[in-house]
């Protein structure tokens, strides 16, 4: 288990946390723990100490979470929501998507 996920879903899942279900494009997303994962995924972007963002991903409906490669990273000037929306687009594109990649 990586991160603090709870059972909430929806775009804004609470202060400093965004969650979406996303279908990964061809080539999926890259994780630190197991490499590439594909298919229907749940992506969580949450704020951490020091203005950083942690990004975790799981197969939708599964209990085991993985760290998106490149996480944690600095929150961009646009904020956590902008970062989360950008990452959702990267996941939809696939190609071994990763934070900062």
N, C-alpha and C. Protein backbone atom coordinates (compact mmCIF):
# COMPACT_ATOMS: atom_id res chain seq x y z
N UNK A 1 0.85 -1.18 0.00
CA UNK A 1 0.00 0.00 0.00
C UNK A 1 0.88 1.22 0.00
N UNK A 2 0.70 2.08 -0.96
CA UNK A 2 1.51 3.27 -1.10
C UNK A 2 0.59 4.47 -1.07
N UNK A 3 0.77 5.37 -0.11
CA UNK A 3 -0.03 6.58 -0.04
C UNK A 3 -1.25 6.42 0.83
N UNK A 4 -2.05 7.49 0.86
CA UNK A 4 -3.25 7.55 1.68
C UNK A 4 -4.42 7.74 0.73
N UNK A 5 -5.20 6.69 0.50
CA UNK A 5 -6.21 6.77 -0.55
C UNK A 5 -7.63 6.81 -0.06
N UNK A 6 -7.97 6.10 1.00
CA UNK A 6 -9.35 6.08 1.44
C UNK A 6 -10.24 5.52 0.37
N UNK A 7 -11.54 5.67 0.51
CA UNK A 7 -12.45 5.11 -0.47
C UNK A 7 -13.18 6.16 -1.28
N UNK A 8 -12.80 7.41 -1.18
CA UNK A 8 -13.52 8.46 -1.86
C UNK A 8 -13.16 8.49 -3.34
N UNK A 9 -14.11 8.84 -4.13
CA UNK A 9 -13.83 8.98 -5.55
C UNK A 9 -14.43 10.28 -6.06
N UNK A 10 -14.10 10.62 -7.24
CA UNK A 10 -14.57 11.85 -7.83
C UNK A 10 -13.40 12.78 -8.08
N UNK A 11 -13.64 13.78 -8.86
CA UNK A 11 -12.57 14.64 -9.28
C UNK A 11 -11.85 15.29 -8.10
N UNK A 12 -12.56 16.04 -7.27
CA UNK A 12 -11.96 16.65 -6.09
C UNK A 12 -12.36 15.80 -4.90
N UNK A 13 -11.44 14.97 -4.45
CA UNK A 13 -11.75 14.00 -3.39
C UNK A 13 -11.37 14.53 -2.02
N UNK A 14 -11.28 15.81 -1.86
CA UNK A 14 -10.96 16.40 -0.58
C UNK A 14 -9.80 17.37 -0.72
N UNK A 15 -9.58 18.12 0.34
CA UNK A 15 -8.53 19.14 0.31
C UNK A 15 -7.19 18.51 -0.05
N UNK A 16 -6.58 19.04 -1.11
CA UNK A 16 -5.25 18.59 -1.48
C UNK A 16 -5.19 17.20 -2.09
N UNK A 17 -6.29 16.75 -2.68
CA UNK A 17 -6.33 15.40 -3.24
C UNK A 17 -7.31 15.33 -4.41
N UNK A 18 -6.86 14.78 -5.52
CA UNK A 18 -7.72 14.59 -6.69
C UNK A 18 -7.63 13.13 -7.13
N UNK A 19 -8.75 12.59 -7.59
CA UNK A 19 -8.82 11.18 -7.99
C UNK A 19 -9.70 11.04 -9.22
N UNK A 20 -9.23 10.24 -10.18
CA UNK A 20 -10.00 9.96 -11.39
C UNK A 20 -9.76 8.54 -11.86
N UNK A 21 -10.79 7.98 -12.50
CA UNK A 21 -10.63 6.71 -13.18
C UNK A 21 -10.31 7.03 -14.63
N UNK A 22 -9.26 6.40 -15.14
CA UNK A 22 -8.74 6.71 -16.46
C UNK A 22 -8.36 5.41 -17.16
N UNK A 23 -8.68 5.31 -18.44
CA UNK A 23 -8.21 4.17 -19.24
C UNK A 23 -6.87 4.54 -19.84
N UNK A 24 -5.85 3.76 -19.53
CA UNK A 24 -4.51 4.03 -20.04
C UNK A 24 -4.44 3.75 -21.54
N UNK A 25 -3.76 4.62 -22.23
CA UNK A 25 -3.54 4.42 -23.65
C UNK A 25 -2.50 3.33 -23.89
N UNK A 26 -2.24 3.00 -25.15
CA UNK A 26 -1.25 1.96 -25.48
C UNK A 26 0.10 2.25 -24.82
N UNK A 27 0.63 1.26 -24.15
CA UNK A 27 1.91 1.41 -23.45
C UNK A 27 1.74 1.74 -21.99
N UNK A 28 0.52 2.06 -21.55
CA UNK A 28 0.21 2.24 -20.15
C UNK A 28 0.99 3.32 -19.44
N UNK A 29 1.18 3.10 -18.13
CA UNK A 29 1.92 4.03 -17.28
C UNK A 29 3.04 3.28 -16.58
N UNK A 30 4.10 3.99 -16.25
CA UNK A 30 5.26 3.39 -15.59
C UNK A 30 5.13 3.59 -14.07
N UNK A 31 5.33 2.49 -13.33
CA UNK A 31 5.33 2.56 -11.87
C UNK A 31 6.68 2.13 -11.34
N UNK A 32 7.00 2.60 -10.14
CA UNK A 32 8.27 2.22 -9.52
C UNK A 32 8.30 0.75 -9.12
N UNK A 33 7.17 0.23 -8.68
CA UNK A 33 7.15 -1.11 -8.08
C UNK A 33 7.06 -2.25 -9.08
N UNK A 34 6.26 -2.09 -10.13
CA UNK A 34 6.01 -3.22 -11.04
C UNK A 34 6.22 -2.90 -12.51
N UNK A 35 6.76 -1.72 -12.80
CA UNK A 35 6.93 -1.34 -14.20
C UNK A 35 5.62 -0.86 -14.80
N UNK A 36 5.38 -1.20 -16.05
CA UNK A 36 4.21 -0.69 -16.78
C UNK A 36 2.94 -1.42 -16.35
N UNK A 37 1.88 -0.62 -16.14
CA UNK A 37 0.54 -1.19 -15.96
C UNK A 37 -0.38 -0.55 -16.99
N UNK A 38 -1.41 -1.29 -17.39
CA UNK A 38 -2.30 -0.84 -18.46
C UNK A 38 -3.75 -1.08 -18.06
N UNK A 39 -4.65 -0.62 -18.89
CA UNK A 39 -6.08 -0.88 -18.68
C UNK A 39 -6.78 0.23 -17.92
N UNK A 40 -7.85 -0.15 -17.21
CA UNK A 40 -8.63 0.81 -16.44
C UNK A 40 -7.94 1.06 -15.11
N UNK A 41 -7.53 2.31 -14.90
CA UNK A 41 -6.73 2.68 -13.74
C UNK A 41 -7.42 3.77 -12.94
N UNK A 42 -7.07 3.86 -11.67
CA UNK A 42 -7.47 4.98 -10.82
C UNK A 42 -6.20 5.72 -10.47
N UNK A 43 -6.21 7.03 -10.72
CA UNK A 43 -5.06 7.89 -10.49
C UNK A 43 -5.38 8.86 -9.36
N UNK A 44 -4.49 8.92 -8.37
CA UNK A 44 -4.65 9.85 -7.25
C UNK A 44 -3.44 10.78 -7.21
N UNK A 45 -3.71 12.07 -7.17
CA UNK A 45 -2.69 13.09 -7.03
C UNK A 45 -2.99 13.81 -5.72
N UNK A 46 -2.01 13.85 -4.81
CA UNK A 46 -2.26 14.46 -3.50
C UNK A 46 -1.07 15.31 -3.09
N UNK A 47 -1.38 16.35 -2.32
CA UNK A 47 -0.32 17.23 -1.85
C UNK A 47 0.40 16.58 -0.68
N UNK A 48 1.70 16.86 -0.59
CA UNK A 48 2.51 16.38 0.51
C UNK A 48 3.29 17.59 1.06
N UNK A 49 4.07 17.36 2.07
CA UNK A 49 4.83 18.44 2.70
C UNK A 49 5.77 19.11 1.71
N UNK A 50 6.00 20.38 1.93
CA UNK A 50 6.99 21.10 1.14
C UNK A 50 6.56 21.45 -0.27
N UNK A 51 5.26 21.54 -0.53
CA UNK A 51 4.80 21.92 -1.87
C UNK A 51 5.02 20.86 -2.91
N UNK A 52 5.04 19.60 -2.50
CA UNK A 52 5.26 18.48 -3.42
C UNK A 52 3.94 17.76 -3.67
N UNK A 53 3.91 16.99 -4.74
CA UNK A 53 2.74 16.19 -5.09
C UNK A 53 3.17 14.73 -5.20
N UNK A 54 2.40 13.86 -4.57
CA UNK A 54 2.60 12.42 -4.71
C UNK A 54 1.52 11.89 -5.65
N UNK A 55 1.90 10.98 -6.53
CA UNK A 55 0.95 10.43 -7.51
C UNK A 55 1.01 8.91 -7.43
N UNK A 56 -0.16 8.33 -7.17
CA UNK A 56 -0.27 6.88 -7.06
C UNK A 56 -1.33 6.38 -8.03
N UNK A 57 -1.21 5.12 -8.42
CA UNK A 57 -2.10 4.54 -9.41
C UNK A 57 -2.40 3.10 -9.02
N UNK A 58 -3.60 2.64 -9.35
CA UNK A 58 -4.00 1.27 -9.11
C UNK A 58 -4.89 0.81 -10.26
N UNK A 59 -5.00 -0.50 -10.43
CA UNK A 59 -6.03 -1.01 -11.32
C UNK A 59 -7.36 -0.68 -10.66
N UNK A 60 -8.29 -0.08 -11.39
CA UNK A 60 -9.57 0.30 -10.81
C UNK A 60 -10.22 -0.91 -10.15
N UNK A 61 -10.58 -0.73 -8.88
CA UNK A 61 -11.21 -1.80 -8.10
C UNK A 61 -10.24 -2.65 -7.30
N UNK A 62 -8.95 -2.50 -7.54
CA UNK A 62 -7.95 -3.28 -6.81
C UNK A 62 -7.57 -2.56 -5.51
N UNK A 63 -6.88 -3.25 -4.64
CA UNK A 63 -6.47 -2.67 -3.37
C UNK A 63 -5.01 -2.24 -3.34
N UNK A 64 -4.18 -2.79 -4.20
CA UNK A 64 -2.75 -2.48 -4.17
C UNK A 64 -2.45 -1.26 -5.03
N UNK A 65 -1.77 -0.28 -4.42
CA UNK A 65 -1.42 0.96 -5.09
C UNK A 65 0.05 0.96 -5.45
N UNK A 66 0.37 1.68 -6.54
CA UNK A 66 1.74 1.80 -7.02
C UNK A 66 2.09 3.28 -7.18
N UNK A 67 3.36 3.58 -7.05
CA UNK A 67 3.85 4.95 -7.22
C UNK A 67 4.12 5.22 -8.70
N UNK A 68 3.52 6.28 -9.24
CA UNK A 68 3.82 6.67 -10.61
C UNK A 68 5.28 7.11 -10.65
N UNK A 69 6.05 6.57 -11.58
CA UNK A 69 7.46 6.91 -11.69
C UNK A 69 7.61 8.43 -11.84
N UNK A 70 8.53 8.99 -11.05
CA UNK A 70 8.76 10.42 -11.03
C UNK A 70 8.12 11.11 -9.83
N UNK A 71 7.29 10.38 -9.10
CA UNK A 71 6.62 10.92 -7.92
C UNK A 71 7.47 10.68 -6.69
N UNK A 72 7.52 11.62 -5.76
CA UNK A 72 6.84 12.92 -5.75
C UNK A 72 7.59 13.95 -6.57
N UNK A 73 6.88 15.03 -6.87
CA UNK A 73 7.45 16.12 -7.65
C UNK A 73 6.89 17.44 -7.17
N UNK A 74 7.52 18.52 -7.55
CA UNK A 74 7.04 19.85 -7.18
C UNK A 74 5.68 20.12 -7.82
N UNK A 75 4.80 20.79 -7.07
CA UNK A 75 3.52 21.22 -7.62
C UNK A 75 3.79 22.42 -8.52
N UNK A 76 3.30 22.40 -9.76
CA UNK A 76 3.57 23.51 -10.67
C UNK A 76 2.80 24.76 -10.25
N UNK A 77 3.16 25.92 -10.83
CA UNK A 77 2.49 27.17 -10.47
C UNK A 77 0.97 27.11 -10.61
N UNK A 78 0.45 26.33 -11.54
CA UNK A 78 -1.00 26.22 -11.73
C UNK A 78 -1.72 25.48 -10.63
N UNK A 79 -0.99 24.77 -9.79
CA UNK A 79 -1.58 24.06 -8.67
C UNK A 79 -1.79 22.58 -8.90
N UNK A 80 -2.26 21.93 -7.86
CA UNK A 80 -2.43 20.48 -7.84
C UNK A 80 -3.47 20.01 -8.86
N UNK A 81 -4.57 20.76 -9.00
CA UNK A 81 -5.61 20.37 -9.95
C UNK A 81 -5.07 20.36 -11.38
N UNK A 82 -4.30 21.37 -11.74
CA UNK A 82 -3.71 21.44 -13.08
C UNK A 82 -2.77 20.27 -13.30
N UNK A 83 -1.95 19.95 -12.30
CA UNK A 83 -1.05 18.80 -12.40
C UNK A 83 -1.85 17.51 -12.59
N UNK A 84 -2.89 17.32 -11.80
CA UNK A 84 -3.70 16.10 -11.90
C UNK A 84 -4.33 15.97 -13.28
N UNK A 85 -4.90 17.06 -13.80
CA UNK A 85 -5.52 17.02 -15.12
C UNK A 85 -4.48 16.69 -16.20
N UNK A 86 -3.28 17.25 -16.07
CA UNK A 86 -2.20 16.96 -17.00
C UNK A 86 -1.84 15.47 -16.95
N UNK A 87 -1.75 14.93 -15.74
CA UNK A 87 -1.40 13.51 -15.60
C UNK A 87 -2.49 12.60 -16.15
N UNK A 88 -3.75 12.96 -15.96
CA UNK A 88 -4.83 12.17 -16.55
C UNK A 88 -4.69 12.11 -18.07
N UNK A 89 -4.34 13.24 -18.68
CA UNK A 89 -4.13 13.27 -20.14
C UNK A 89 -2.95 12.40 -20.54
N UNK A 90 -1.88 12.43 -19.75
CA UNK A 90 -0.71 11.58 -20.04
C UNK A 90 -1.08 10.10 -19.96
N UNK A 91 -1.86 9.73 -18.95
CA UNK A 91 -2.27 8.34 -18.79
C UNK A 91 -3.13 7.92 -19.99
N UNK A 92 -4.04 8.77 -20.41
CA UNK A 92 -4.89 8.44 -21.57
C UNK A 92 -4.05 8.25 -22.84
N UNK A 93 -2.96 8.98 -22.93
CA UNK A 93 -2.06 8.86 -24.08
C UNK A 93 -1.25 7.57 -24.00
N UNK A 94 -0.85 7.17 -22.78
CA UNK A 94 -0.08 5.94 -22.60
C UNK A 94 1.41 6.16 -22.84
N UNK A 95 2.02 5.20 -23.50
CA UNK A 95 3.44 5.31 -23.83
C UNK A 95 4.36 5.23 -22.62
N UNK A 96 3.94 4.51 -21.58
CA UNK A 96 4.76 4.42 -20.37
C UNK A 96 4.78 5.74 -19.61
N UNK A 97 3.63 6.41 -19.57
CA UNK A 97 3.51 7.74 -18.95
C UNK A 97 4.11 7.74 -17.56
N UNK A 98 4.77 8.86 -17.25
CA UNK A 98 5.34 9.05 -15.93
C UNK A 98 5.39 10.53 -15.62
N UNK A 99 5.54 10.84 -14.36
CA UNK A 99 5.61 12.23 -13.93
C UNK A 99 6.93 12.83 -14.36
N UNK A 100 6.84 13.93 -15.11
CA UNK A 100 8.05 14.57 -15.60
C UNK A 100 8.66 13.89 -16.81
N UNK A 101 7.97 12.89 -17.35
CA UNK A 101 8.54 12.16 -18.47
C UNK A 101 7.95 12.46 -19.79
